[in-house]
Amino acid sequence: ALSLDQSLVSEEGFNRIKDHYLQWPLVKAGLLVFIWAYCHHFCAGC
């Protein structure tokens, strides 16, 4: 919640959170899993 709050307050906060967390390959892989699930659900709905 704190990270979300910081990322929504300003562009600097967003860039700080993005630069910190997207450096970890496991976070990137988890993000890709969620993106695939969303895309699959969206396409199947269409």
All heavy atoms as atom14 arrays in JSON, in Angstrom:
{
  "sequence": "ALSLDQSLVSEEGFNRIKDHYLQWPLVKAGLLVFIWAYCHHFCAGC",
  "atom14_mask": [
    [1, 1, 1, 1, 1, 0, 0, 0, 0, 0, 0, 0, 0, 0],
    [1, 1, 1, 1, 1, 1, 1, 1, 0, 0, 0, 0, 0, 0],
    [1, 1, 1, 1, 1, 1, 0, 0, 0, 0, 0, 0, 0, 0],
    [1, 1, 1, 1, 1, 1, 1, 1, 0, 0, 0, 0, 0, 0],
    [1, 1, 1, 1, 1, 1, 1, 1, 0, 0, 0, 0, 0, 0],
    [1, 1, 1, 1, 1, 1, 1, 1, 1, 0, 0, 0, 0, 0],
    [1, 1, 1, 1, 1, 1, 0, 0, 0, 0, 0, 0, 0, 0],
    [1, 1, 1, 1, 1, 1, 1, 1, 0, 0, 0, 0, 0, 0],
    [1, 1, 1, 1, 1, 1, 1, 0, 0, 0, 0, 0, 0, 0],
    [1, 1, 1, 1, 1, 1, 0, 0, 0, 0, 0, 0, 0, 0],
    [1, 1, 1, 1, 1, 1, 1, 1, 1, 0, 0, 0, 0, 0],
    [1, 1, 1, 1, 1, 1, 1, 1, 1, 0, 0, 0, 0, 0],
    [1, 1, 1, 1, 0, 0, 0, 0, 0, 0, 0, 0, 0, 0],
    [1, 1, 1, 1, 1, 1, 1, 1, 1, 1, 1, 0, 0, 0],
    [1, 1, 1, 1, 1, 1, 1, 1, 0, 0, 0, 0, 0, 0],
    [1, 1, 1, 1, 1, 1, 1, 1, 1, 1, 1, 0, 0, 0],
    [1, 1, 1, 1, 1, 1, 1, 1, 0, 0, 0, 0, 0, 0],
    [1, 1, 1, 1, 1, 1, 1, 1, 1, 0, 0, 0, 0, 0],
    [1, 1, 1, 1, 1, 1, 1, 1, 0, 0, 0, 0, 0, 0],
    [1, 1, 1, 1, 1, 1, 1, 1, 1, 1, 0, 0, 0, 0],
    [1, 1, 1, 1, 1, 1, 1, 1, 1, 1, 1, 1, 0, 0],
    [1, 1, 1, 1, 1, 1, 1, 1, 0, 0, 0, 0, 0, 0],
    [1, 1, 1, 1, 1, 1, 1, 1, 1, 0, 0, 0, 0, 0],
    [1, 1, 1, 1, 1, 1, 1, 1, 1, 1, 1, 1, 1, 1],
    [1, 1, 1, 1, 1, 1, 1, 0, 0, 0, 0, 0, 0, 0],
    [1, 1, 1, 1, 1, 1, 1, 1, 0, 0, 0, 0, 0, 0],
    [1, 1, 1, 1, 1, 1, 1, 0, 0, 0, 0, 0, 0, 0],
    [1, 1, 1, 1, 1, 1, 1, 1, 1, 0, 0, 0, 0, 0],
    [1, 1, 1, 1, 1, 0, 0, 0, 0, 0, 0, 0, 0, 0],
    [1, 1, 1, 1, 0, 0, 0, 0, 0, 0, 0, 0, 0, 0],
    [1, 1, 1, 1, 1, 1, 1, 1, 0, 0, 0, 0, 0, 0],
    [1, 1, 1, 1, 1, 1, 1, 1, 0, 0, 0, 0, 0, 0],
    [1, 1, 1, 1, 1, 1, 1, 0, 0, 0, 0, 0, 0, 0],
    [1, 1, 1, 1, 1, 1, 1, 1, 1, 1, 1, 0, 0, 0],
    [1, 1, 1, 1, 1, 1, 1, 1, 0, 0, 0, 0, 0, 0],
    [1, 1, 1, 1, 1, 1, 1, 1, 1, 1, 1, 1, 1, 1],
    [1, 1, 1, 1, 1, 0, 0, 0, 0, 0, 0, 0, 0, 0],
    [1, 1, 1, 1, 1, 1, 1, 1, 1, 1, 1, 1, 0, 0],
    [1, 1, 1, 1, 1, 1, 0, 0, 0, 0, 0, 0, 0, 0],
    [1, 1, 1, 1, 1, 1, 1, 1, 1, 1, 0, 0, 0, 0],
    [1, 1, 1, 1, 1, 1, 1, 1, 1, 1, 0, 0, 0, 0],
    [1, 1, 1, 1, 1, 1, 1, 1, 1, 1, 1, 0, 0, 0],
    [1, 1, 1, 1, 1, 1, 0, 0, 0, 0, 0, 0, 0, 0],
    [1, 1, 1, 1, 1, 0, 0, 0, 0, 0, 0, 0, 0, 0],
    [1, 1, 1, 1, 0, 0, 0, 0, 0, 0, 0, 0, 0, 0],
    [1, 1, 1, 1, 1, 1, 0, 0, 0, 0, 0, 0, 0, 0]
  ],
  "atom14_positions": [
    [[0.84, -1.2, 0.0], [0.0, 0.0, 0.0], [0.87, 1.25, 0.0], [0.55, 2.24, -0.66], [-0.94, -0.01, 1.2], [0.0, 0.0, 0.0], [0.0, 0.0, 0.0], [0.0, 0.0, 0.0], [0.0, 0.0, 0.0], [0.0, 0.0, 0.0], [0.0, 0.0, 0.0], [0.0, 0.0, 0.0], [0.0, 0.0, 0.0], [0.0, 0.0, 0.0]],
    [[1.96, 1.22, 0.73], [2.87, 2.36, 0.76], [3.51, 2.57, -0.61], [3.63, 3.7, -1.08], [3.94, 2.14, 1.82], [4.95, 3.27, 2.01], [4.26, 4.55, 2.43], [5.99, 2.87, 3.03], [0.0, 0.0, 0.0], [0.0, 0.0, 0.0], [0.0, 0.0, 0.0], [0.0, 0.0, 0.0], [0.0, 0.0, 0.0], [0.0, 0.0, 0.0]],
    [[3.89, 1.49, -1.26], [4.49, 1.6, -2.59], [3.48, 2.14, -3.59], [3.81, 2.98, -4.43], [5.0, 0.24, -3.06], [6.01, -0.23, -2.21], [0.0, 0.0, 0.0], [0.0, 0.0, 0.0], [0.0, 0.0, 0.0], [0.0, 0.0, 0.0], [0.0, 0.0, 0.0], [0.0, 0.0, 0.0], [0.0, 0.0, 0.0], [0.0, 0.0, 0.0]],
    [[2.24, 1.65, -3.51], [1.2, 2.15, -4.41], [0.95, 3.63, -4.16], [0.83, 4.41, -5.11], [-0.09, 1.35, -4.22], [-1.27, 1.79, -5.08], [-0.96, 1.61, -6.55], [-2.52, 1.04, -4.69], [0.0, 0.0, 0.0], [0.0, 0.0, 0.0], [0.0, 0.0, 0.0], [0.0, 0.0, 0.0], [0.0, 0.0, 0.0], [0.0, 0.0, 0.0]],
    [[0.91, 4.02, -2.89], [0.7, 5.42, -2.55], [1.82, 6.29, -3.11], [1.57, 7.34, -3.7], [0.61, 5.58, -1.03], [0.28, 6.99, -0.62], [-0.63, 7.59, -1.23], [0.94, 7.5, 0.31], [0.0, 0.0, 0.0], [0.0, 0.0, 0.0], [0.0, 0.0, 0.0], [0.0, 0.0, 0.0], [0.0, 0.0, 0.0], [0.0, 0.0, 0.0]],
    [[3.06, 5.85, -2.94], [4.2, 6.61, -3.46], [4.16, 6.71, -4.98], [4.49, 7.74, -5.55], [5.52, 5.98, -3.03], [5.88, 6.2, -1.59], [7.21, 5.55, -1.25], [7.78, 4.8, -2.04], [7.7, 5.84, -0.06], [0.0, 0.0, 0.0], [0.0, 0.0, 0.0], [0.0, 0.0, 0.0], [0.0, 0.0, 0.0], [0.0, 0.0, 0.0]],
    [[3.76, 5.63, -5.63], [3.76, 5.65, -7.09], [2.64, 6.51, -7.65], [2.74, 6.98, -8.79], [3.66, 4.23, -7.63], [2.38, 3.7, -7.38], [0.0, 0.0, 0.0], [0.0, 0.0, 0.0], [0.0, 0.0, 0.0], [0.0, 0.0, 0.0], [0.0, 0.0, 0.0], [0.0, 0.0, 0.0], [0.0, 0.0, 0.0], [0.0, 0.0, 0.0]],
    [[1.58, 6.72, -6.89], [0.46, 7.53, -7.37], [0.59, 9.01, -7.03], [-0.1, 9.84, -7.61], [-0.86, 6.98, -6.82], [-1.26, 5.6, -7.3], [-2.52, 5.13, -6.6], [-1.44, 5.57, -8.81], [0.0, 0.0, 0.0], [0.0, 0.0, 0.0], [0.0, 0.0, 0.0], [0.0, 0.0, 0.0], [0.0, 0.0, 0.0], [0.0, 0.0, 0.0]],
    [[1.45, 9.35, -6.09], [1.58, 10.74, -5.65], [2.22, 11.61, -6.73], [1.74, 12.7, -7.04], [2.36, 10.83, -4.33], [2.76, 12.25, -4.01], [1.54, 10.24, -3.2], [0.0, 0.0, 0.0], [0.0, 0.0, 0.0], [0.0, 0.0, 0.0], [0.0, 0.0, 0.0], [0.0, 0.0, 0.0], [0.0, 0.0, 0.0], [0.0, 0.0, 0.0]],
    [[3.31, 11.13, -7.3], [4.01, 11.95, -8.28], [4.73, 11.06, -9.28], [4.89, 9.86, -9.08], [5.03, 12.86, -7.59], [6.06, 12.09, -7.03], [0.0, 0.0, 0.0], [0.0, 0.0, 0.0], [0.0, 0.0, 0.0], [0.0, 0.0, 0.0], [0.0, 0.0, 0.0], [0.0, 0.0, 0.0], [0.0, 0.0, 0.0], [0.0, 0.0, 0.0]],
    [[5.2, 11.7, -10.33], [5.95, 10.96, -11.34], [7.29, 10.5, -10.78], [7.76, 9.41, -11.1], [6.17, 11.84, -12.57], [6.81, 11.11, -13.72], [6.93, 11.96, -14.97], [6.36, 13.06, -15.01], [7.61, 11.5, -15.9], [0.0, 0.0, 0.0], [0.0, 0.0, 0.0], [0.0, 0.0, 0.0], [0.0, 0.0, 0.0], [0.0, 0.0, 0.0]],
    [[7.88, 11.29, -9.93], [9.15, 10.9, -9.29], [8.96, 9.67, -8.42], [9.81, 8.77, -8.41], [9.69, 12.05, -8.44], [10.15, 13.24, -9.22], [10.49, 14.42, -8.32], [10.45, 14.27, -7.08], [10.79, 15.49, -8.86], [0.0, 0.0, 0.0], [0.0, 0.0, 0.0], [0.0, 0.0, 0.0], [0.0, 0.0, 0.0], [0.0, 0.0, 0.0]],
    [[7.87, 9.63, -7.67], [7.58, 8.47, -6.84], [7.37, 7.22, -7.67], [7.84, 6.13, -7.33], [0.0, 0.0, 0.0], [0.0, 0.0, 0.0], [0.0, 0.0, 0.0], [0.0, 0.0, 0.0], [0.0, 0.0, 0.0], [0.0, 0.0, 0.0], [0.0, 0.0, 0.0], [0.0, 0.0, 0.0], [0.0, 0.0, 0.0], [0.0, 0.0, 0.0]],
    [[6.66, 7.37, -8.79], [6.44, 6.23, -9.69], [7.76, 5.72, -10.24], [8.02, 4.52, -10.24], [5.51, 6.64, -10.84], [5.37, 5.57, -11.88], [4.54, 4.49, -11.67], [6.08, 5.65, -13.07], [4.41, 3.5, -12.62], [5.96, 4.67, -14.03], [5.11, 3.59, -13.8], [0.0, 0.0, 0.0], [0.0, 0.0, 0.0], [0.0, 0.0, 0.0]],
    [[8.61, 6.64, -10.7], [9.9, 6.23, -11.26], [10.79, 5.57, -10.22], [11.51, 4.62, -10.51], [10.62, 7.41, -11.9], [9.97, 7.83, -13.19], [9.38, 7.02, -13.9], [10.04, 9.12, -13.51], [0.0, 0.0, 0.0], [0.0, 0.0, 0.0], [0.0, 0.0, 0.0], [0.0, 0.0, 0.0], [0.0, 0.0, 0.0], [0.0, 0.0, 0.0]],
    [[10.74, 6.06, -8.98], [11.53, 5.47, -7.9], [11.08, 4.04, -7.62], [11.9, 3.12, -7.53], [11.42, 6.34, -6.64], [12.29, 5.89, -5.52], [12.2, 6.82, -4.34], [10.88, 7.45, -4.28], [10.65, 8.74, -4.02], [11.64, 9.53, -3.79], [9.44, 9.23, -3.99], [0.0, 0.0, 0.0], [0.0, 0.0, 0.0], [0.0, 0.0, 0.0]],
    [[9.77, 3.82, -7.53], [9.24, 2.47, -7.28], [9.54, 1.56, -8.47], [9.98, 0.42, -8.31], [7.73, 2.53, -6.99], [7.45, 3.31, -5.71], [7.13, 1.14, -6.93], [8.03, 2.69, -4.46], [0.0, 0.0, 0.0], [0.0, 0.0, 0.0], [0.0, 0.0, 0.0], [0.0, 0.0, 0.0], [0.0, 0.0, 0.0], [0.0, 0.0, 0.0]],
    [[9.34, 2.08, -9.68], [9.6, 1.29, -10.88], [11.06, 0.88, -10.97], [11.38, -0.28, -11.24], [9.2, 2.08, -12.13], [9.42, 1.33, -13.43], [9.15, 2.2, -14.61], [10.25, 3.21, -14.68], [10.64, 3.71, -15.95], [0.0, 0.0, 0.0], [0.0, 0.0, 0.0], [0.0, 0.0, 0.0], [0.0, 0.0, 0.0], [0.0, 0.0, 0.0]],
    [[11.95, 1.82, -10.74], [13.38, 1.52, -10.83], [13.84, 0.55, -9.75], [14.72, -0.26, -9.98], [14.2, 2.81, -10.75], [14.02, 3.69, -11.97], [13.58, 3.18, -13.01], [14.29, 4.91, -11.86], [0.0, 0.0, 0.0], [0.0, 0.0, 0.0], [0.0, 0.0, 0.0], [0.0, 0.0, 0.0], [0.0, 0.0, 0.0], [0.0, 0.0, 0.0]],
    [[13.19, 0.62, -8.61], [13.59, -0.27, -7.51], [13.09, -1.7, -7.72], [13.85, -2.65, -7.63], [13.06, 0.27, -6.17], [13.37, -0.62, -5.02], [14.64, -0.78, -4.52], [12.57, -1.43, -4.27], [14.61, -1.63, -3.51], [13.37, -2.04, -3.35], [0.0, 0.0, 0.0], [0.0, 0.0, 0.0], [0.0, 0.0, 0.0], [0.0, 0.0, 0.0]],
    [[11.81, -1.87, -8.03], [11.24, -3.21, -8.09], [11.44, -3.91, -9.42], [11.54, -5.13, -9.47], [9.75, -3.17, -7.75], [9.51, -2.95, -6.29], [8.99, -1.76, -5.82], [9.83, -3.92, -5.36], [8.79, -1.54, -4.47], [9.64, -3.73, -4.01], [9.11, -2.54, -3.58], [8.93, -2.34, -2.25], [0.0, 0.0, 0.0], [0.0, 0.0, 0.0]],
    [[11.47, -3.18, -10.51], [11.62, -3.84, -11.81], [13.06, -4.22, -12.13], [13.36, -4.66, -13.23], [11.03, -2.99, -12.93], [9.51, -3.04, -13.03], [9.03, -2.21, -14.2], [9.0, -4.46, -13.16], [0.0, 0.0, 0.0], [0.0, 0.0, 0.0], [0.0, 0.0, 0.0], [0.0, 0.0, 0.0], [0.0, 0.0, 0.0], [0.0, 0.0, 0.0]],
    [[13.94, -4.11, -11.16], [15.31, -4.6, -11.34], [15.41, -6.08, -11.01], [16.36, -6.73, -11.37], [16.28, -3.81, -10.45], [16.33, -2.33, -10.77], [16.66, -2.05, -12.23], [17.53, -2.68, -12.81], [15.93, -1.13, -12.82], [0.0, 0.0, 0.0], [0.0, 0.0, 0.0], [0.0, 0.0, 0.0], [0.0, 0.0, 0.0], [0.0, 0.0, 0.0]],
    [[14.41, -6.62, -10.31], [14.43, -8.02, -9.89], [13.78, -8.89, -10.96], [12.62, -8.68, -11.33], [13.69, -8.19, -8.58], [14.26, -7.39, -7.44], [15.49, -6.81, -7.38], [13.61, -7.1, -6.21], [15.64, -6.17, -6.18], [14.51, -6.33, -5.44], [12.37, -7.4, -5.68], [14.2, -5.87, -4.17], [12.06, -6.94, -4.42], [12.96, -6.19, -3.68]],
    [[14.48, -9.89, -11.47], [13.92, -10.75, -12.51], [12.66, -11.51, -12.06], [11.75, -11.74, -12.85], [15.05, -11.74, -12.83], [16.28, -11.06, -12.38], [15.89, -10.19, -11.22], [0.0, 0.0, 0.0], [0.0, 0.0, 0.0], [0.0, 0.0, 0.0], [0.0, 0.0, 0.0], [0.0, 0.0, 0.0], [0.0, 0.0, 0.0], [0.0, 0.0, 0.0]],
    [[12.6, -11.87, -10.78], [11.42, -12.59, -10.3], [10.18, -11.69, -10.34], [9.08, -12.16, -10.67], [11.67, -13.1, -8.88], [10.62, -14.05, -8.31], [10.51, -15.29, -9.19], [10.96, -14.44, -6.9], [0.0, 0.0, 0.0], [0.0, 0.0, 0.0], [0.0, 0.0, 0.0], [0.0, 0.0, 0.0], [0.0, 0.0, 0.0], [0.0, 0.0, 0.0]],
    [[10.34, -10.42, -10.06], [9.23, -9.48, -10.13], [8.79, -9.31, -11.58], [7.59, -9.29, -11.88], [9.61, -8.12, -9.5], [8.54, -7.08, -9.74], [9.88, -8.28, -8.01], [0.0, 0.0, 0.0], [0.0, 0.0, 0.0], [0.0, 0.0, 0.0], [0.0, 0.0, 0.0], [0.0, 0.0, 0.0], [0.0, 0.0, 0.0], [0.0, 0.0, 0.0]],
    [[9.74, -9.22, -12.49], [9.4, -9.1, -13.91], [8.66, -10.34, -14.4], [7.68, -10.24, -15.15], [10.66, -8.9, -14.74], [11.26, -7.53, -14.62], [12.49, -7.43, -15.51], [13.16, -6.1, -15.37], [14.35, -6.0, -16.22], [0.0, 0.0, 0.0], [0.0, 0.0, 0.0], [0.0, 0.0, 0.0], [0.0, 0.0, 0.0], [0.0, 0.0, 0.0]],
    [[9.11, -11.51, -13.98], [8.45, -12.76, -14.38], [7.03, -12.82, -13.82], [6.1, -13.22, -14.52], [9.26, -13.96, -13.92], [0.0, 0.0, 0.0], [0.0, 0.0, 0.0], [0.0, 0.0, 0.0], [0.0, 0.0, 0.0], [0.0, 0.0, 0.0], [0.0, 0.0, 0.0], [0.0, 0.0, 0.0], [0.0, 0.0, 0.0], [0.0, 0.0, 0.0]],
    [[6.87, -12.42, -12.57], [5.53, -12.39, -11.99], [4.63, -11.42, -12.7], [3.44, -11.7, -12.93], [0.0, 0.0, 0.0], [0.0, 0.0, 0.0], [0.0, 0.0, 0.0], [0.0, 0.0, 0.0], [0.0, 0.0, 0.0], [0.0, 0.0, 0.0], [0.0, 0.0, 0.0], [0.0, 0.0, 0.0], [0.0, 0.0, 0.0], [0.0, 0.0, 0.0]],
    [[5.17, -10.27, -13.08], [4.4, -9.28, -13.83], [3.97, -9.85, -15.18], [2.83, -9.65, -15.61], [5.24, -8.02, -14.02], [4.59, -6.85, -14.74], [3.38, -6.35, -13.97], [5.61, -5.74, -14.91], [0.0, 0.0, 0.0], [0.0, 0.0, 0.0], [0.0, 0.0, 0.0], [0.0, 0.0, 0.0], [0.0, 0.0, 0.0], [0.0, 0.0, 0.0]],
    [[4.86, -10.58, -15.83], [4.5, -11.19, -17.11], [3.4, -12.24, -16.97], [2.55, -12.36, -17.84], [5.73, -11.81, -17.77], [6.71, -10.83, -18.39], [7.91, -11.56, -18.96], [6.04, -10.0, -19.45], [0.0, 0.0, 0.0], [0.0, 0.0, 0.0], [0.0, 0.0, 0.0], [0.0, 0.0, 0.0], [0.0, 0.0, 0.0], [0.0, 0.0, 0.0]],
    [[3.4, -12.97, -15.87], [2.33, -13.95, -15.63], [0.99, -13.24, -15.51], [-0.01, -13.66, -16.11], [2.62, -14.8, -14.38], [1.42, -15.61, -13.96], [3.82, -15.72, -14.63], [0.0, 0.0, 0.0], [0.0, 0.0, 0.0], [0.0, 0.0, 0.0], [0.0, 0.0, 0.0], [0.0, 0.0, 0.0], [0.0, 0.0, 0.0], [0.0, 0.0, 0.0]],
    [[0.96, -12.14, -14.76], [-0.29, -11.39, -14.62], [-0.71, -10.75, -15.93], [-1.9, -10.7, -16.25], [-0.15, -10.33, -13.53], [-0.22, -10.87, -12.15], [0.85, -10.76, -11.29], [-1.37, -11.51, -11.7], [0.79, -11.27, -10.01], [-1.44, -12.03, -10.42], [-0.36, -11.91, -9.57], [0.0, 0.0, 0.0], [0.0, 0.0, 0.0], [0.0, 0.0, 0.0]],
    [[0.24, -10.26, -16.7], [-0.08, -9.67, -18.0], [-0.64, -10.73, -18.94], [-1.62, -10.49, -19.65], [1.15, -8.96, -18.6], [1.44, -7.7, -17.79], [0.95, -8.65, -20.07], [2.74, -7.04, -18.12], [0.0, 0.0, 0.0], [0.0, 0.0, 0.0], [0.0, 0.0, 0.0], [0.0, 0.0, 0.0], [0.0, 0.0, 0.0], [0.0, 0.0, 0.0]],
    [[-0.04, -11.92, -18.94], [-0.56, -12.99, -19.8], [-1.97, -13.37, -19.36], [-2.86, -13.55, -20.22], [0.34, -14.23, -19.75], [-0.31, -15.36, -20.48], [-0.35, -15.54, -21.83], [-1.06, -16.42, -19.91], [-1.07, -16.67, -22.13], [-1.52, -17.23, -20.97], [-1.38, -16.78, -18.6], [-2.29, -18.35, -20.75], [-2.15, -17.91, -18.4], [-2.59, -18.69, -19.47]],
    [[-2.21, -13.48, -18.07], [-3.54, -13.85, -17.58], [-4.57, -12.81, -18.0], [-5.68, -13.15, -18.43], [-3.53, -14.03, -16.06], [0.0, 0.0, 0.0], [0.0, 0.0, 0.0], [0.0, 0.0, 0.0], [0.0, 0.0, 0.0], [0.0, 0.0, 0.0], [0.0, 0.0, 0.0], [0.0, 0.0, 0.0], [0.0, 0.0, 0.0], [0.0, 0.0, 0.0]],
    [[-4.22, -11.53, -17.88], [-5.14, -10.47, -18.28], [-5.41, -10.53, -19.78], [-6.56, -10.45, -20.22], [-4.58, -9.1, -17.9], [-5.44, -7.98, -18.41], [-6.63, -7.65, -17.77], [-5.09, -7.28, -19.57], [-7.43, -6.64, -18.25], [-5.89, -6.27, -20.05], [-7.06, -5.95, -19.39], [-7.86, -4.96, -19.87], [0.0, 0.0, 0.0], [0.0, 0.0, 0.0]],
    [[-4.35, -10.64, -20.59], [-4.52, -10.68, -22.05], [-5.35, -11.9, -22.48], [-6.22, -11.79, -23.35], [-3.17, -10.71, -22.75], [-2.28, -9.18, -22.65], [0.0, 0.0, 0.0], [0.0, 0.0, 0.0], [0.0, 0.0, 0.0], [0.0, 0.0, 0.0], [0.0, 0.0, 0.0], [0.0, 0.0, 0.0], [0.0, 0.0, 0.0], [0.0, 0.0, 0.0]],
    [[-5.07, -13.04, -21.86], [-5.82, -14.25, -22.2], [-7.3, -14.08, -21.86], [-8.17, -14.42, -22.66], [-5.22, -15.44, -21.46], [-5.78, -16.75, -21.88], [-5.37, -17.39, -23.03], [-6.73, -17.54, -21.34], [-6.06, -18.51, -23.16], [-6.89, -18.62, -22.15], [0.0, 0.0, 0.0], [0.0, 0.0, 0.0], [0.0, 0.0, 0.0], [0.0, 0.0, 0.0]],
    [[-7.57, -13.55, -20.68], [-8.95, -13.34, -20.25], [-9.64, -12.33, -21.18], [-10.8, -12.54, -21.56], [-8.96, -12.83, -18.81], [-10.31, -12.71, -18.23], [-11.04, -13.78, -17.79], [-11.07, -11.62, -18.01], [-12.19, -13.37, -17.32], [-12.24, -12.05, -17.44], [0.0, 0.0, 0.0], [0.0, 0.0, 0.0], [0.0, 0.0, 0.0], [0.0, 0.0, 0.0]],
    [[-8.96, -11.25, -21.53], [-9.53, -10.24, -22.42], [-9.84, -10.82, -23.8], [-10.93, -10.62, -24.34], [-8.58, -9.05, -22.54], [-9.09, -7.97, -23.43], [-10.03, -7.07, -22.97], [-8.61, -7.83, -24.72], [-10.52, -6.07, -23.79], [-9.08, -6.83, -25.55], [-10.04, -5.94, -25.09], [0.0, 0.0, 0.0], [0.0, 0.0, 0.0], [0.0, 0.0, 0.0]],
    [[-8.88, -11.55, -24.37], [-9.07, -12.14, -25.7], [-10.18, -13.18, -25.69], [-11.0, -13.25, -26.61], [-7.78, -12.75, -26.21], [-6.49, -11.55, -26.57], [0.0, 0.0, 0.0], [0.0, 0.0, 0.0], [0.0, 0.0, 0.0], [0.0, 0.0, 0.0], [0.0, 0.0, 0.0], [0.0, 0.0, 0.0], [0.0, 0.0, 0.0], [0.0, 0.0, 0.0]],
    [[-10.22, -14.0, -24.64], [-11.28, -15.02, -24.55], [-12.64, -14.35, -24.41], [-13.64, -14.83, -24.97], [-11.0, -15.94, -23.36], [0.0, 0.0, 0.0], [0.0, 0.0, 0.0], [0.0, 0.0, 0.0], [0.0, 0.0, 0.0], [0.0, 0.0, 0.0], [0.0, 0.0, 0.0], [0.0, 0.0, 0.0], [0.0, 0.0, 0.0], [0.0, 0.0, 0.0]],
    [[-12.7, -13.25, -23.68], [-13.96, -12.51, -23.56], [-14.41, -11.94, -24.88], [-15.61, -11.95, -25.2], [0.0, 0.0, 0.0], [0.0, 0.0, 0.0], [0.0, 0.0, 0.0], [0.0, 0.0, 0.0], [0.0, 0.0, 0.0], [0.0, 0.0, 0.0], [0.0, 0.0, 0.0], [0.0, 0.0, 0.0], [0.0, 0.0, 0.0], [0.0, 0.0, 0.0]],
    [[-13.47, -11.43, -25.67], [-13.82, -10.91, -27.0], [-14.35, -12.01, -27.9], [-15.34, -11.83, -28.61], [-12.61, -10.24, -27.63], [-12.11, -8.71, -26.84], [0.0, 0.0, 0.0], [0.0, 0.0, 0.0], [0.0, 0.0, 0.0], [0.0, 0.0, 0.0], [0.0, 0.0, 0.0], [0.0, 0.0, 0.0], [0.0, 0.0, 0.0], [0.0, 0.0, 0.0]]
  ]
}
